[in-house]
Protein backbone atom coordinates (compact mmCIF):
# COMPACT_ATOMS: atom_id res chain seq x y z
CA MET A 1 49.01 123.09 -55.93
CA LYS A 2 47.73 120.60 -53.43
CA LYS A 3 46.84 118.10 -56.19
CA LYS A 4 50.27 118.47 -57.78
CA TYR A 5 51.90 117.99 -54.40
CA ARG A 6 49.90 114.82 -53.80
CA ILE A 7 50.75 113.43 -57.23
CA LEU A 8 54.42 114.19 -56.67
CA LYS A 9 54.29 112.54 -53.26
CA ILE A 10 52.69 109.38 -54.68
CA ALA A 11 55.23 109.24 -57.51
CA VAL A 12 58.13 109.57 -55.06
CA THR A 13 56.80 106.79 -52.81
CA VAL A 14 56.29 104.51 -55.81
CA ILE A 15 59.83 105.14 -57.01
CA ILE A 16 61.21 104.51 -53.52
CA LEU A 17 59.21 101.30 -53.18
CA GLY A 18 60.35 100.16 -56.63
CA LEU A 19 63.98 100.80 -55.72
CA LEU A 20 63.58 98.96 -52.44
CA LEU A 21 61.84 96.06 -54.20
CA SER A 22 64.48 95.80 -56.90
CA PHE A 23 67.19 95.95 -54.27
CA SER A 24 65.49 93.24 -52.22
CA LEU A 25 64.99 91.09 -55.32
CA LYS A 26 68.63 91.39 -56.25
CA ARG A 27 69.59 90.54 -52.75
CA PHE A 28 67.11 87.61 -52.68
CA SER A 29 68.23 86.25 -56.06
CA GLY A 30 71.84 86.51 -55.01
CA GLN A 31 71.31 84.29 -51.98
CA LYS A 32 72.77 80.81 -52.10
CA ILE A 33 70.68 77.72 -51.42
CA THR A 34 72.73 75.87 -48.86
CA ASP A 35 72.04 72.35 -47.63
CA GLN A 36 70.40 73.82 -44.53
CA LYS A 37 67.91 75.68 -46.75
CA ILE A 38 66.78 72.55 -48.62
CA SER A 39 63.85 70.72 -47.05
CA VAL A 40 62.87 67.32 -48.50
CA LYS A 41 59.69 65.66 -47.27
CA MET A 42 58.39 62.23 -48.27
CA ASN A 43 54.62 62.23 -47.94
CA GLU A 44 53.70 58.57 -48.62
CA LYS A 45 51.84 56.73 -45.85
CA THR A 46 53.78 53.50 -46.34
CA PRO A 47 57.51 54.15 -46.01
CA VAL A 48 59.45 53.26 -49.14
CA TYR A 49 63.07 53.99 -49.98
CA PHE A 50 63.43 53.92 -53.74
CA ILE A 51 64.60 57.54 -53.57
CA ASP A 52 66.20 59.08 -50.51
CA GLU A 53 67.02 62.65 -49.51
CA LYS A 54 70.55 62.42 -50.88
CA ASP A 55 69.25 61.65 -54.36
CA ILE A 56 66.96 64.70 -54.32
CA ARG A 57 69.70 67.02 -53.08
CA ALA A 58 71.99 65.73 -55.83
CA ILE A 59 69.32 66.54 -58.46
CA VAL A 60 68.91 70.07 -57.03
CA LYS A 61 72.65 70.71 -57.25
CA LYS A 62 72.79 69.35 -60.78
CA GLU A 63 69.91 71.57 -61.95
CA ASN A 64 71.37 74.64 -60.19
CA PRO A 65 75.18 74.46 -60.28
CA SER A 66 75.67 78.03 -59.03
CA GLY A 67 73.45 77.42 -56.02
CA LYS A 68 71.86 80.90 -56.30
CA VAL A 69 68.16 81.48 -55.93
CA GLY A 70 68.00 83.59 -59.08
CA ASP A 71 69.49 80.81 -61.23
CA LEU A 72 67.05 78.16 -60.03
CA ASN A 73 64.36 77.15 -62.53
CA ILE A 74 61.65 75.76 -60.27
CA PRO A 75 59.32 74.38 -63.02
CA ALA A 76 62.25 72.57 -64.68
CA LEU A 77 63.36 71.10 -61.34
CA GLU A 78 59.83 69.95 -60.55
CA LYS A 79 59.50 68.33 -63.97
CA LYS A 80 62.84 66.55 -63.50
CA ILE A 81 61.79 65.03 -60.20
CA ASN A 82 58.37 64.00 -61.53
CA SER A 83 60.05 62.16 -64.41
CA LEU A 84 61.69 59.70 -62.00
CA PRO A 85 59.96 56.28 -62.32
CA ALA A 86 59.51 55.80 -58.57
CA VAL A 87 58.00 59.28 -58.00
CA ASP A 88 54.23 59.63 -58.00
CA SER A 89 54.12 63.41 -57.57
CA ALA A 90 56.45 66.29 -56.60
CA ASN A 91 55.80 69.88 -55.48
CA VAL A 92 58.71 72.38 -55.41
CA TYR A 93 58.45 75.94 -54.03
CA LEU A 94 60.55 78.70 -52.40
CA ASN A 95 59.86 80.64 -49.19
CA LEU A 96 60.58 84.37 -48.82
CA ASN A 97 63.55 83.53 -46.63
CA GLY A 98 65.17 81.60 -49.51
CA LYS A 99 64.30 78.11 -48.21
CA LEU A 100 63.67 75.50 -50.93
CA ASN A 101 60.90 73.02 -50.11
CA LEU A 102 60.40 69.73 -51.97
CA ASP A 103 57.32 67.66 -51.11
CA ILE A 104 57.66 64.26 -52.80
CA LYS A 105 55.35 61.28 -52.87
CA GLN A 106 56.87 57.99 -54.00
CA ARG A 107 55.05 55.12 -55.65
CA VAL A 108 54.19 52.33 -53.22
CA PRO A 109 54.30 48.85 -54.81
CA VAL A 110 51.24 46.67 -54.32
CA PHE A 111 52.76 43.61 -55.98
CA ARG A 112 55.85 42.56 -57.88
CA LEU A 113 55.18 41.00 -61.28
CA ASN A 114 57.36 38.48 -63.10
CA LYS A 115 56.21 38.60 -66.71
CA ASP A 116 58.01 37.46 -69.86
CA GLY A 117 61.29 37.13 -67.95
CA ARG A 118 61.08 40.70 -66.63
CA ASP A 119 60.54 41.88 -63.03
CA PHE A 120 58.86 45.16 -62.13
CA TYR A 121 56.56 46.70 -59.54
CA VAL A 122 52.93 47.78 -59.94
CA ASP A 123 51.33 50.42 -57.69
CA GLN A 124 47.71 50.96 -56.65
CA LYS A 125 46.92 52.91 -59.82
CA GLY A 126 48.15 50.04 -62.01
CA THR A 127 51.33 51.88 -63.05
CA GLU A 128 54.47 49.87 -63.80
CA PHE A 129 57.86 51.02 -62.53
CA PRO A 130 61.22 49.22 -62.41
CA ILE A 131 62.76 47.52 -59.41
CA SER A 132 65.63 49.21 -57.57
CA LYS A 133 69.18 47.95 -57.26
CA THR A 134 69.48 49.30 -53.72
CA TYR A 135 66.06 48.64 -52.24
CA SER A 136 63.54 45.78 -52.38
CA HIS A 137 60.04 46.44 -51.09
CA PRO A 138 58.24 43.50 -49.39
CA CYS A 139 55.07 42.78 -51.36
CA MET A 140 53.11 39.99 -53.04
CA LEU A 141 54.87 38.17 -55.89
CA VAL A 142 52.75 37.56 -59.00
CA THR A 143 53.79 35.39 -61.97
CA GLY A 144 52.20 34.79 -65.35
CA ASN A 145 50.91 36.67 -68.35
CA VAL A 146 48.89 39.31 -66.52
CA LYS A 147 47.37 41.90 -68.85
CA PRO A 148 47.79 45.63 -68.04
CA GLU A 149 44.02 46.10 -67.87
CA GLU A 150 43.98 43.54 -65.01
CA TYR A 151 46.51 45.43 -62.87
CA GLN A 152 43.99 47.45 -60.87
CA LYS A 153 41.74 44.46 -60.09
CA LEU A 154 44.79 42.44 -59.11
CA ALA A 155 45.98 45.31 -56.89
CA GLU A 156 42.57 45.33 -55.17
CA LEU A 157 42.86 41.57 -54.57
CA VAL A 158 46.32 41.94 -53.01
CA GLU A 159 45.15 44.79 -50.77
CA LYS A 160 42.21 42.69 -49.55
CA ILE A 161 44.58 39.81 -48.76
CA ASP A 162 46.93 42.15 -46.85
CA LYS A 163 44.08 43.57 -44.76
CA ASP A 164 42.66 40.18 -43.75
CA ASP A 165 44.68 38.28 -41.13
CA PHE A 166 43.51 34.86 -42.34
CA SER A 167 44.31 35.54 -46.00
CA LYS A 168 47.62 37.19 -45.17
CA LYS A 169 48.62 34.10 -43.19
CA PHE A 170 47.73 31.59 -45.93
CA PHE A 171 48.49 33.31 -49.24
CA ILE A 172 52.07 34.23 -50.13
CA GLY A 173 51.86 34.57 -53.90
CA ILE A 174 49.66 34.60 -57.00
CA SER A 175 50.18 32.80 -60.30
CA LYS A 176 48.24 32.97 -63.53
CA TYR A 177 47.98 29.94 -65.83
CA LYS A 178 46.12 30.58 -69.07
CA ASP A 179 43.05 32.52 -67.89
CA ASP A 180 42.86 31.21 -64.30
CA TYR A 181 44.44 32.76 -61.22
CA ASN A 182 45.84 30.60 -58.41
CA LEU A 183 46.68 31.66 -54.87
CA LEU A 184 49.90 30.09 -53.56
CA THR A 185 49.73 28.97 -49.94
CA SER A 186 52.30 29.00 -47.16
CA GLU A 187 51.16 25.61 -45.78
CA GLY A 188 51.43 22.51 -47.94
CA ASN A 189 51.93 22.18 -51.67
CA TYR A 190 48.38 22.95 -52.75
CA LYS A 191 47.16 25.91 -54.80
CA VAL A 192 43.83 27.66 -54.42
CA GLU A 193 42.28 28.09 -57.86
CA ILE A 194 40.04 31.19 -57.99
CA GLY A 195 39.52 31.50 -61.75
CA ASP A 196 38.90 35.13 -62.72
CA LEU A 197 39.16 38.20 -60.48
CA ASP A 198 35.40 38.58 -59.95
CA ASN A 199 33.62 37.83 -56.63
CA ILE A 200 36.94 37.59 -54.81
CA GLU A 201 35.47 38.13 -51.33
CA PHE A 202 32.94 35.34 -51.81
CA LYS A 203 35.62 32.92 -53.05
CA VAL A 204 38.00 33.69 -50.19
CA LYS A 205 35.19 33.26 -47.65
CA GLY A 206 34.37 29.86 -49.17
CA PHE A 207 37.99 28.75 -48.87
CA LYS A 208 38.15 30.06 -45.31
CA ALA A 209 35.10 27.99 -44.35
CA PHE A 210 36.66 24.91 -46.00
CA VAL A 211 39.88 25.39 -44.02
CA GLU A 212 38.20 25.96 -40.66
CA LYS A 213 35.70 23.10 -40.96
CA TYR A 214 37.75 20.46 -42.76
CA LEU A 215 41.29 21.26 -43.85
CA VAL A 216 42.45 22.07 -40.33
CA TYR A 217 42.03 18.39 -39.44
CA GLN A 218 43.89 17.14 -42.54
CA ASP A 219 47.55 16.98 -43.46
CA PRO A 220 48.39 20.07 -45.60
CA GLN A 221 50.30 17.80 -47.98
CA LYS A 222 47.18 15.80 -48.83
CA TYR A 223 45.96 18.05 -51.67
CA SER A 224 47.63 19.57 -54.69
CA ARG A 225 44.78 21.94 -55.57
CA VAL A 226 41.66 23.37 -53.99
CA SER A 227 39.36 25.05 -56.51
CA VAL A 228 36.81 27.69 -55.49
CA LYS A 229 36.21 29.14 -58.95
CA TYR A 230 32.90 27.28 -59.35
CA GLN A 231 29.82 28.80 -57.76
CA ASN A 232 28.72 27.32 -54.42
CA GLN A 233 31.13 24.37 -54.54
CA ILE A 234 34.71 23.46 -53.70
CA VAL A 235 36.63 20.91 -55.76
CA THR A 236 39.79 19.30 -54.37
CA THR A 237 42.57 17.39 -56.15
CA LEU A 238 44.61 14.80 -54.24
CA ASN A 239 48.39 15.01 -54.21
CA PRO A 240 49.71 11.86 -55.99
CA TYR A 241 53.04 12.11 -54.14
CA PHE A 242 51.45 11.92 -50.70
CA LYS A 243 51.76 8.35 -49.37
CA GLU A 244 48.44 8.28 -47.54
CA ASN A 245 46.67 9.00 -50.83
CA ASP A 246 47.97 5.79 -52.48
CA SER A 247 45.10 3.62 -51.25
CA ILE A 248 42.50 6.22 -52.26
CA LEU A 249 43.97 6.66 -55.73
CA LYS A 250 44.28 2.88 -56.26
CA ALA A 251 40.66 2.37 -55.25
CA GLY A 252 39.63 5.09 -57.64
CA ASN A 253 41.58 3.48 -60.47
CA LYS A 254 39.93 0.09 -59.76
CA GLU A 255 36.50 1.65 -59.88
CA LEU A 256 37.33 3.27 -63.17
CA ALA A 257 38.53 -0.08 -64.52
CA LYS A 258 35.22 -1.72 -63.53
CA ALA A 259 33.19 0.90 -65.32
CA PRO A 260 30.71 -0.78 -67.77
CA ILE A 261 30.99 1.89 -70.46
CA PRO A 262 33.69 0.28 -72.67
CA THR A 263 32.25 -3.31 -72.38
CA ALA A 264 28.75 -2.15 -73.31
CA ALA A 265 30.10 -0.69 -76.53
CA LYS A 266 31.70 -4.01 -77.56
CA LYS A 267 28.72 -6.31 -76.84
CA PRO A 268 26.81 -5.73 -80.07
CA ASP A 269 29.96 -6.46 -82.10
CA ALA A 270 30.46 -9.78 -80.29
CA VAL A 271 26.86 -10.82 -80.95
CA LEU A 272 26.91 -9.87 -84.59
CA LYS A 273 30.10 -11.71 -85.48
CA PRO A 274 28.90 -15.30 -84.78
CA ALA A 275 25.64 -14.53 -86.51
CA GLU A 276 27.52 -13.49 -89.60
CA LYS A 277 29.58 -16.68 -89.45
CA LYS A 278 26.45 -18.78 -89.30
CA LYS A 279 25.05 -17.03 -92.30
CA THR A 280 28.23 -17.60 -94.25
CA GLY A 281 28.23 -21.26 -93.16
CA THR A 282 24.67 -21.88 -94.25
CA SER A 283 25.30 -20.16 -97.56
CA ALA A 284 28.33 -22.39 -98.14
CA LYS A 285 26.48 -25.65 -97.43
CA PRO A 286 23.99 -25.45 -100.28
CA LYS A 287 26.81 -24.71 -102.64
CA GLU A 288 28.51 -27.98 -101.62
CA SER A 289 25.24 -29.90 -101.92
CA ILE A 290 24.47 -28.43 -105.34
CA LYS A 291 27.72 -29.66 -106.82
CA PRO A 292 27.25 -33.37 -105.96
CA LYS A 293 23.61 -33.24 -107.12
CA THR A 294 24.62 -31.99 -110.56
CA ALA A 295 27.32 -34.61 -110.70
CA ALA A 296 24.97 -37.39 -109.49
CA GLN A 297 22.30 -36.99 -112.17
CA PRO A 298 24.36 -38.28 -115.11
CA LYS A 299 25.72 -41.16 -112.97
CA GLU A 300 22.25 -42.31 -112.07
CA THR A 301 21.26 -42.41 -115.74
CA LYS A 302 24.25 -44.56 -116.63
CA LYS A 303 24.25 -47.01 -113.71
CA THR A 304 20.74 -47.24 -112.38
CA ASP A 305 20.87 -50.95 -111.49
CA LYS A 306 24.11 -51.32 -109.55
CA LYS A 307 24.77 -48.32 -107.31
CA PRO A 308 21.72 -46.19 -106.60
CA ALA A 309 21.68 -46.70 -102.78
CA PRO A 310 25.34 -46.23 -101.63
CA LYS A 311 25.61 -42.69 -102.91
CA PRO A 312 23.04 -41.18 -100.54
CA LYS A 313 24.78 -43.04 -97.61
CA ALA A 314 28.07 -41.36 -98.49
CA LYS A 315 26.33 -38.00 -98.55
CA VAL A 316 24.96 -38.49 -95.05
CA LYS A 317 28.39 -39.23 -93.58
CA ILE A 318 29.96 -36.16 -95.15
CA GLU A 319 27.38 -33.90 -93.61
């Protein structure tokens, strides 16, 4: 009897708990998710505003028109928010009190790329996402045919520039021409050619030393390019539109004009030509002398007494 009583007691408590649970679930699912019960948190370290709280609340209302907890499909809502281009990750969950929590992390642009007439952002992971019509994030502008496999290395370069006060002061943009990268400077018209994206720290340090020891004392308009892509050397190109460079460029052109390379190539031709003329002249002379000799032999046989001497005199004058 005692065992039966215990079994009956356990069965009654389970039934009561089940009824209470079903009642509480019905009550919980019937609750409405008001605006006060929606909590939206943006978890990115760098504040960005591609998506704001109003946009998230609008998506929640669209996915759950009735506003009841029981009609909300949390996995579908989470998937919808994650599909937004500017969202890196989203976590959606409900509390027991019926409060809806949305923890969202937006993509933070590292640089803005202008490629093939199209503008878009690239984040730290090398992921492309479109620009916003309502918000523009301040970041490095990059132009040129940058390949997707170069996005991460380029993002690392931009982050190093942003962290260094010297680099951040000098470099305001990056351009790619063919296979070489150039850093655009805020002072002057010159570009800093770095070549590929390898050994970036070493190249930037070399340019920094060049600026501190030499370029600080020069006019920033003097150069059009400073190249640090070659190992252990810096190559500069003068700006042809800078007036003070006119004398330097003219002197360089004069030195190039005095170079002996083209004249040395023509000297053997000039020596050979007169020699050939002399050969042709000497070959022509015996031909002229042969003709009068053949003509003189019959004349000498006919008139040996009268005119043997004057003919050789005439030959001497002609020569």
